[in-house]
Amino acid sequence: MASIEYRFSDNISGPFYVDSNCIACDTCVGIAPQCFRLTSDYDHAIVVGQPVSERDFNLCREALACCPVNAIGDDGSQ
């Protein structure tokens, strides 16, 4: 499970985030490219856009569930 205390600082603020467990596998980007991107050095993924529609929320939840290392979190603030 992702930990907010290990959240990467380059995530955009909001409920979804990627933490330091990320292995840059690109799974989240494949599922929700409007919300996730790999960093320019391909070190890890970050949240670049928080979901605004129900569809986007569902895709972010799917990315969270599919992350092989549980590096995506939802702080429940929305």
PDB file of N, CA and C in Angstrom:
ATOM      1  N   MET A   1       0.836  -1.178   0.000  1.00  0.00           N
ATOM      2  CA  MET A   1       0.000   0.000   0.000  1.00  0.00           C
ATOM      3  C   MET A   1       0.888   1.251   0.000  1.00  0.00           C
ATOM      4  N   ALA A   2       0.541   2.202  -0.829  1.00  0.00           N
ATOM      5  CA  ALA A   2       1.304   3.449  -0.929  1.00  0.00           C
ATOM      6  C   ALA A   2       1.210   4.229   0.382  1.00  0.00           C
ATOM      7  N   SER A   3       2.255   4.977   0.652  1.00  0.00           N
ATOM      8  CA  SER A   3       2.317   5.764   1.883  1.00  0.00           C
ATOM      9  C   SER A   3       2.475   7.245   1.551  1.00  0.00           C
ATOM     10  N   ILE A   4       1.603   8.052   2.122  1.00  0.00           N
ATOM     11  CA  ILE A   4       1.647   9.488   1.854  1.00  0.00           C
ATOM     12  C   ILE A   4       2.975  10.103   2.306  1.00  0.00           C
ATOM     13  N   GLU A   5       3.597   9.529   3.296  1.00  0.00           N
ATOM     14  CA  GLU A   5       4.870  10.086   3.757  1.00  0.00           C
ATOM     15  C   GLU A   5       6.004   9.858   2.760  1.00  0.00           C
ATOM     16  N   TYR A   6       5.825   8.917   1.828  1.00  0.00           N
ATOM     17  CA  TYR A   6       6.825   8.658   0.796  1.00  0.00           C
ATOM     18  C   TYR A   6       6.379   9.156  -0.579  1.00  0.00           C
ATOM     19  N   ARG A   7       5.362  10.006  -0.595  1.00  0.00           N
ATOM     20  CA  ARG A   7       4.821  10.601  -1.815  1.00  0.00           C
ATOM     21  C   ARG A   7       5.899  11.435  -2.506  1.00  0.00           C
ATOM     22  N   PHE A   8       6.061  11.243  -3.822  1.00  0.00           N
ATOM     23  CA  PHE A   8       7.010  12.070  -4.562  1.00  0.00           C
ATOM     24  C   PHE A   8       6.525  13.512  -4.583  1.00  0.00           C
ATOM     25  N   SER A   9       7.434  14.440  -4.390  1.00  0.00           N
ATOM     26  CA  SER A   9       7.073  15.857  -4.341  1.00  0.00           C
ATOM     27  C   SER A   9       6.662  16.405  -5.703  1.00  0.00           C
ATOM     28  N   ASP A  10       6.990  15.707  -6.785  1.00  0.00           N
ATOM     29  CA  ASP A  10       6.625  16.208  -8.107  1.00  0.00           C
ATOM     30  C   ASP A  10       5.229  15.777  -8.561  1.00  0.00           C
ATOM     31  N   ASN A  11       4.477  15.078  -7.706  1.00  0.00           N
ATOM     32  CA  ASN A  11       3.061  14.822  -7.979  1.00  0.00           C
ATOM     33  C   ASN A  11       2.294  16.136  -7.885  1.00  0.00           C
ATOM     34  N   ILE A  12       1.297  16.313  -8.741  1.00  0.00           N
ATOM     35  CA  ILE A  12       0.410  17.459  -8.606  1.00  0.00           C
ATOM     36  C   ILE A  12      -0.435  17.225  -7.338  1.00  0.00           C
ATOM     37  N   SER A  13      -0.795  18.279  -6.650  1.00  0.00           N
ATOM     38  CA  SER A  13      -1.556  18.100  -5.414  1.00  0.00           C
ATOM     39  C   SER A  13      -2.951  17.558  -5.707  1.00  0.00           C
ATOM     40  N   GLY A  14      -3.474  16.800  -4.777  1.00  0.00           N
ATOM     41  CA  GLY A  14      -4.786  16.189  -4.909  1.00  0.00           C
ATOM     42  C   GLY A  14      -4.796  14.819  -4.270  1.00  0.00           C
ATOM     43  N   PRO A  15      -5.891  14.111  -4.395  1.00  0.00           N
ATOM     44  CA  PRO A  15      -6.036  12.843  -3.681  1.00  0.00           C
ATOM     45  C   PRO A  15      -5.140  11.701  -4.178  1.00  0.00           C
ATOM     46  N   PHE A  16      -4.893  11.627  -5.470  1.00  0.00           N
ATOM     47  CA  PHE A  16      -4.060  10.536  -5.987  1.00  0.00           C
ATOM     48  C   PHE A  16      -2.595  10.962  -6.012  1.00  0.00           C
ATOM     49  N   TYR A  17      -1.719  10.012  -5.740  1.00  0.00           N
ATOM     50  CA  TYR A  17      -0.276  10.280  -5.722  1.00  0.00           C
ATOM     51  C   TYR A  17       0.485   8.991  -5.998  1.00  0.00           C
ATOM     52  N   VAL A  18       1.763   9.143  -6.330  1.00  0.00           N
ATOM     53  CA  VAL A  18       2.685   8.023  -6.513  1.00  0.00           C
ATOM     54  C   VAL A  18       3.770   8.178  -5.469  1.00  0.00           C
ATOM     55  N   ASP A  19       4.148   7.066  -4.830  1.00  0.00           N
ATOM     56  CA  ASP A  19       5.183   7.144  -3.805  1.00  0.00           C
ATOM     57  C   ASP A  19       6.477   6.470  -4.266  1.00  0.00           C
ATOM     58  N   SER A  20       7.438   6.432  -3.384  1.00  0.00           N
ATOM     59  CA  SER A  20       8.795   5.979  -3.725  1.00  0.00           C
ATOM     60  C   SER A  20       8.907   4.488  -4.033  1.00  0.00           C
ATOM     61  N   ASN A  21       7.828   3.730  -3.914  1.00  0.00           N
ATOM     62  CA  ASN A  21       7.858   2.318  -4.309  1.00  0.00           C
ATOM     63  C   ASN A  21       7.809   2.138  -5.825  1.00  0.00           C
ATOM     64  N   CYS A  22       7.514   3.202  -6.562  1.00  0.00           N
ATOM     65  CA  CYS A  22       7.334   3.118  -8.006  1.00  0.00           C
ATOM     66  C   CYS A  22       8.588   2.578  -8.699  1.00  0.00           C
ATOM     67  N   ILE A  23       8.357   1.672  -9.653  1.00  0.00           N
ATOM     68  CA  ILE A  23       9.451   1.086 -10.435  1.00  0.00           C
ATOM     69  C   ILE A  23       9.396   1.517 -11.906  1.00  0.00           C
ATOM     70  N   ALA A  24       8.596   2.527 -12.193  1.00  0.00           N
ATOM     71  CA  ALA A  24       8.472   3.077 -13.554  1.00  0.00           C
ATOM     72  C   ALA A  24       8.052   2.013 -14.569  1.00  0.00           C
ATOM     73  N   CYS A  25       7.137   1.161 -14.181  1.00  0.00           N
ATOM     74  CA  CYS A  25       6.691   0.098 -15.086  1.00  0.00           C
ATOM     75  C   CYS A  25       5.744   0.603 -16.170  1.00  0.00           C
ATOM     76  N   ASP A  26       5.186   1.786 -15.971  1.00  0.00           N
ATOM     77  CA  ASP A  26       4.331   2.438 -16.968  1.00  0.00           C
ATOM     78  C   ASP A  26       2.898   1.897 -17.000  1.00  0.00           C
ATOM     79  N   THR A  27       2.533   1.038 -16.073  1.00  0.00           N
ATOM     80  CA  THR A  27       1.178   0.487 -16.037  1.00  0.00           C
ATOM     81  C   THR A  27       0.141   1.590 -15.862  1.00  0.00           C
ATOM     82  N   CYS A  28       0.375   2.486 -14.911  1.00  0.00           N
ATOM     83  CA  CYS A  28      -0.591   3.554 -14.639  1.00  0.00           C
ATOM     84  C   CYS A  28      -0.748   4.485 -15.839  1.00  0.00           C
ATOM     85  N   VAL A  29       0.336   4.761 -16.525  1.00  0.00           N
ATOM     86  CA  VAL A  29       0.284   5.620 -17.711  1.00  0.00           C
ATOM     87  C   VAL A  29      -0.541   4.956 -18.803  1.00  0.00           C
ATOM     88  N   GLY A  30      -0.414   3.654 -18.948  1.00  0.00           N
ATOM     89  CA  GLY A  30      -1.197   2.927 -19.933  1.00  0.00           C
ATOM     90  C   GLY A  30      -2.684   2.929 -19.633  1.00  0.00           C
ATOM     91  N   ILE A  31      -3.020   2.932 -18.354  1.00  0.00           N
ATOM     92  CA  ILE A  31      -4.428   2.909 -17.948  1.00  0.00           C
ATOM     93  C   ILE A  31      -5.041   4.307 -17.938  1.00  0.00           C
ATOM     94  N   ALA A  32      -4.325   5.274 -17.388  1.00  0.00           N
ATOM     95  CA  ALA A  32      -4.866   6.633 -17.220  1.00  0.00           C
ATOM     96  C   ALA A  32      -3.840   7.683 -17.637  1.00  0.00           C
ATOM     97  N   PRO A  33      -3.547   7.778 -18.938  1.00  0.00           N
ATOM     98  CA  PRO A  33      -2.501   8.700 -19.395  1.00  0.00           C
ATOM     99  C   PRO A  33      -2.829  10.178 -19.155  1.00  0.00           C
ATOM    100  N   GLN A  34      -4.094  10.506 -18.965  1.00  0.00           N
ATOM    101  CA  GLN A  34      -4.464  11.878 -18.680  1.00  0.00           C
ATOM    102  C   GLN A  34      -4.094  12.270 -17.239  1.00  0.00           C
ATOM    103  N   CYS A  35      -3.796  11.289 -16.403  1.00  0.00           N
ATOM    104  CA  CYS A  35      -3.491  11.561 -14.995  1.00  0.00           C
ATOM    105  C   CYS A  35      -2.059  11.194 -14.593  1.00  0.00           C
ATOM    106  N   PHE A  36      -1.449  10.223 -15.268  1.00  0.00           N
ATOM    107  CA  PHE A  36      -0.114   9.750 -14.895  1.00  0.00           C
ATOM    108  C   PHE A  36       0.869   9.927 -16.037  1.00  0.00           C
ATOM    109  N   ARG A  37       2.117  10.216 -15.688  1.00  0.00           N
ATOM    110  CA  ARG A  37       3.225  10.287 -16.651  1.00  0.00           C
ATOM    111  C   ARG A  37       4.489   9.776 -15.960  1.00  0.00           C
ATOM    112  N   LEU A  38       5.413   9.288 -16.763  1.00  0.00           N
ATOM    113  CA  LEU A  38       6.748   9.006 -16.235  1.00  0.00           C
ATOM    114  C   LEU A  38       7.532  10.309 -16.217  1.00  0.00           C
ATOM    115  N   THR A  39       8.434  10.430 -15.252  1.00  0.00           N
ATOM    116  CA  THR A  39       9.283  11.622 -15.199  1.00  0.00           C
ATOM    117  C   THR A  39      10.191  11.647 -16.424  1.00  0.00           C
ATOM    118  N   SER A  40      10.746  12.800 -16.712  1.00  0.00           N
ATOM    119  CA  SER A  40      11.568  12.947 -17.924  1.00  0.00           C
ATOM    120  C   SER A  40      12.785  12.023 -17.929  1.00  0.00           C
ATOM    121  N   ASP A  41      13.261  11.630 -16.759  1.00  0.00           N
ATOM    122  CA  ASP A  41      14.396  10.700 -16.692  1.00  0.00           C
ATOM    123  C   ASP A  41      13.948   9.240 -16.555  1.00  0.00           C
ATOM    124  N   TYR A  42      12.627   9.009 -16.661  1.00  0.00           N
ATOM    125  CA  TYR A  42      12.031   7.674 -16.580  1.00  0.00           C
ATOM    126  C   TYR A  42      12.330   6.968 -15.256  1.00  0.00           C
ATOM    127  N   ASP A  43      12.530   7.757 -14.207  1.00  0.00           N
ATOM    128  CA  ASP A  43      12.827   7.191 -12.895  1.00  0.00           C
ATOM    129  C   ASP A  43      11.582   6.676 -12.192  1.00  0.00           C
ATOM    130  N   HIS A  44      10.472   7.383 -12.332  1.00  0.00           N
ATOM    131  CA  HIS A  44       9.228   6.991 -11.665  1.00  0.00           C
ATOM    132  C   HIS A  44       8.046   7.705 -12.313  1.00  0.00           C
ATOM    133  N   ALA A  45       6.869   7.244 -12.003  1.00  0.00           N
ATOM    134  CA  ALA A  45       5.646   7.894 -12.474  1.00  0.00           C
ATOM    135  C   ALA A  45       5.233   8.968 -11.476  1.00  0.00           C
ATOM    136  N   ILE A  46       4.456   9.928 -11.967  1.00  0.00           N
ATOM    137  CA  ILE A  46       3.884  10.964 -11.122  1.00  0.00           C
ATOM    138  C   ILE A  46       2.456  11.245 -11.593  1.00  0.00           C
ATOM    139  N   VAL A  47       1.694  11.858 -10.716  1.00  0.00           N
ATOM    140  CA  VAL A  47       0.362  12.310 -11.091  1.00  0.00           C
ATOM    141  C   VAL A  47       0.519  13.702 -11.680  1.00  0.00           C
ATOM    142  N   VAL A  48       0.075  13.857 -12.925  1.00  0.00           N
ATOM    143  CA  VAL A  48       0.175  15.144 -13.618  1.00  0.00           C
ATOM    144  C   VAL A  48      -1.178  15.821 -13.775  1.00  0.00           C
ATOM    145  N   GLY A  49      -2.230  15.096 -13.479  1.00  0.00           N
ATOM    146  CA  GLY A  49      -3.579  15.648 -13.544  1.00  0.00           C
ATOM    147  C   GLY A  49      -4.501  14.839 -12.662  1.00  0.00           C
ATOM    148  N   GLN A  50      -5.148  15.493 -11.726  1.00  0.00           N
ATOM    149  CA  GLN A  50      -6.093  14.789 -10.875  1.00  0.00           C
ATOM    150  C   GLN A  50      -7.386  14.546 -11.652  1.00  0.00           C
ATOM    151  N   PRO A  51      -8.074  13.458 -11.367  1.00  0.00           N
ATOM    152  CA  PRO A  51      -9.305  13.156 -12.093  1.00  0.00           C
ATOM    153  C   PRO A  51     -10.394  14.181 -11.808  1.00  0.00           C
ATOM    154  N   VAL A  52     -11.169  14.500 -12.837  1.00  0.00           N
ATOM    155  CA  VAL A  52     -12.283  15.429 -12.668  1.00  0.00           C
ATOM    156  C   VAL A  52     -13.619  14.765 -12.991  1.00  0.00           C
ATOM    157  N   SER A  53     -13.620  13.800 -13.857  1.00  0.00           N
ATOM    158  CA  SER A  53     -14.862  13.107 -14.210  1.00  0.00           C
ATOM    159  C   SER A  53     -14.912  11.755 -13.491  1.00  0.00           C
ATOM    160  N   GLU A  54     -16.086  11.185 -13.443  1.00  0.00           N
ATOM    161  CA  GLU A  54     -16.247   9.851 -12.834  1.00  0.00           C
ATOM    162  C   GLU A  54     -15.417   8.826 -13.603  1.00  0.00           C
ATOM    163  N   ARG A  55     -15.357   8.975 -14.922  1.00  0.00           N
ATOM    164  CA  ARG A  55     -14.541   8.070 -15.740  1.00  0.00           C
ATOM    165  C   ARG A  55     -13.074   8.153 -15.340  1.00  0.00           C
ATOM    166  N   ASP A  56     -12.563   9.387 -15.173  1.00  0.00           N
ATOM    167  CA  ASP A  56     -11.166   9.558 -14.761  1.00  0.00           C
ATOM    168  C   ASP A  56     -10.911   8.971 -13.375  1.00  0.00           C
ATOM    169  N   PHE A  57     -11.856   9.176 -12.446  1.00  0.00           N
ATOM    170  CA  PHE A  57     -11.713   8.584 -11.111  1.00  0.00           C
ATOM    171  C   PHE A  57     -11.646   7.067 -11.213  1.00  0.00           C
ATOM    172  N   ASN A  58     -12.514   6.489 -12.032  1.00  0.00           N
ATOM    173  CA  ASN A  58     -12.504   5.039 -12.185  1.00  0.00           C
ATOM    174  C   ASN A  58     -11.195   4.549 -12.782  1.00  0.00           C
ATOM    175  N   LEU A  59     -10.656   5.275 -13.753  1.00  0.00           N
ATOM    176  CA  LEU A  59      -9.373   4.887 -14.350  1.00  0.00           C
ATOM    177  C   LEU A  59      -8.236   5.009 -13.336  1.00  0.00           C
ATOM    178  N   CYS A  60      -8.253   6.047 -12.522  1.00  0.00           N
ATOM    179  CA  CYS A  60      -7.219   6.184 -11.489  1.00  0.00           C
ATOM    180  C   CYS A  60      -7.323   5.067 -10.452  1.00  0.00           C
ATOM    181  N   ARG A  61      -8.532   4.703 -10.098  1.00  0.00           N
ATOM    182  CA  ARG A  61      -8.729   3.587  -9.161  1.00  0.00           C
ATOM    183  C   ARG A  61      -8.254   2.273  -9.789  1.00  0.00           C
ATOM    184  N   GLU A  62      -8.486   2.124 -11.089  1.00  0.00           N
ATOM    185  CA  GLU A  62      -7.996   0.927 -11.783  1.00  0.00           C
ATOM    186  C   GLU A  62      -6.477   0.900 -11.785  1.00  0.00           C
ATOM    187  N   ALA A  63      -5.853   2.044 -12.065  1.00  0.00           N
ATOM    188  CA  ALA A  63      -4.384   2.125 -12.038  1.00  0.00           C
ATOM    189  C   ALA A  63      -3.861   1.783 -10.650  1.00  0.00           C
ATOM    190  N   LEU A  64      -4.523   2.295  -9.621  1.00  0.00           N
ATOM    191  CA  LEU A  64      -4.124   1.999  -8.248  1.00  0.00           C
ATOM    192  C   LEU A  64      -4.198   0.493  -8.000  1.00  0.00           C
ATOM    193  N   ALA A  65      -5.292  -0.141  -8.412  1.00  0.00           N
ATOM    194  CA  ALA A  65      -5.475  -1.578  -8.192  1.00  0.00           C
ATOM    195  C   ALA A  65      -4.495  -2.425  -8.996  1.00  0.00           C
ATOM    196  N   CYS A  66      -4.076  -1.939 -10.166  1.00  0.00           N
ATOM    197  CA  CYS A  66      -3.194  -2.713 -11.048  1.00  0.00           C
ATOM    198  C   CYS A  66      -1.712  -2.477 -10.797  1.00  0.00           C
ATOM    199  N   CYS A  67      -1.359  -1.482 -10.016  1.00  0.00           N
ATOM    200  CA  CYS A  67       0.062  -1.188  -9.770  1.00  0.00           C
ATOM    201  C   CYS A  67       0.732  -2.403  -9.136  1.00  0.00           C
ATOM    202  N   PRO A  68       1.761  -2.943  -9.774  1.00  0.00           N
ATOM    203  CA  PRO A  68       2.379  -4.188  -9.260  1.00  0.00           C
ATOM    204  C   PRO A  68       3.140  -4.008  -7.955  1.00  0.00           C
ATOM    205  N   VAL A  69       3.478  -2.784  -7.587  1.00  0.00           N
ATOM    206  CA  VAL A  69       4.233  -2.560  -6.355  1.00  0.00           C
ATOM    207  C   VAL A  69       3.473  -1.675  -5.360  1.00  0.00           C
ATOM    208  N   ASN A  70       2.183  -1.460  -5.628  1.00  0.00           N
ATOM    209  CA  ASN A  70       1.337  -0.655  -4.730  1.00  0.00           C
ATOM    210  C   ASN A  70       1.913   0.730  -4.460  1.00  0.00           C
ATOM    211  N   ALA A  71       2.361   1.388  -5.515  1.00  0.00           N
ATOM    212  CA  ALA A  71       2.979   2.718  -5.363  1.00  0.00           C
ATOM    213  C   ALA A  71       1.996   3.864  -5.565  1.00  0.00           C
ATOM    214  N   ILE A  72       0.748   3.566  -5.899  1.00  0.00           N
ATOM    215  CA  ILE A  72      -0.249   4.615  -6.111  1.00  0.00           C
ATOM    216  C   ILE A  72      -1.154   4.666  -4.897  1.00  0.00           C
ATOM    217  N   GLY A  73      -1.374   5.880  -4.416  1.00  0.00           N
ATOM    218  CA  GLY A  73      -2.245   6.053  -3.275  1.00  0.00           C
ATOM    219  C   GLY A  73      -3.366   7.021  -3.539  1.00  0.00           C
ATOM    220  N   ASP A  74      -4.368   6.956  -2.698  1.00  0.00           N
ATOM    221  CA  ASP A  74      -5.513   7.872  -2.723  1.00  0.00           C
ATOM    222  C   ASP A  74      -5.707   8.315  -1.283  1.00  0.00           C
ATOM    223  N   ASP A  75      -5.494   9.601  -1.029  1.00  0.00           N
ATOM    224  CA  ASP A  75      -5.598  10.068   0.358  1.00  0.00           C
ATOM    225  C   ASP A  75      -7.039  10.273   0.813  1.00  0.00           C
ATOM    226  N   GLY A  76      -7.993  10.017  -0.088  1.00  0.00           N
ATOM    227  CA  GLY A  76      -9.397  10.084   0.274  1.00  0.00           C
ATOM    228  C   GLY A  76      -9.950  11.482   0.439  1.00  0.00           C
ATOM    229  N   SER A  77      -9.228  12.503  -0.006  1.00  0.00           N
ATOM    230  CA  SER A  77      -9.666  13.868   0.201  1.00  0.00           C
ATOM    231  C   SER A  77     -10.745  14.307  -0.781  1.00  0.00           C
ATOM    232  N   GLN A  78     -11.084  13.497  -1.763  1.00  0.00           N
ATOM    233  CA  GLN A  78     -12.149  13.844  -2.701  1.00  0.00           C
ATOM    234  C   GLN A  78     -13.151  12.750  -2.835  1.00  0.00           C
TER     235      GLN A  78
END
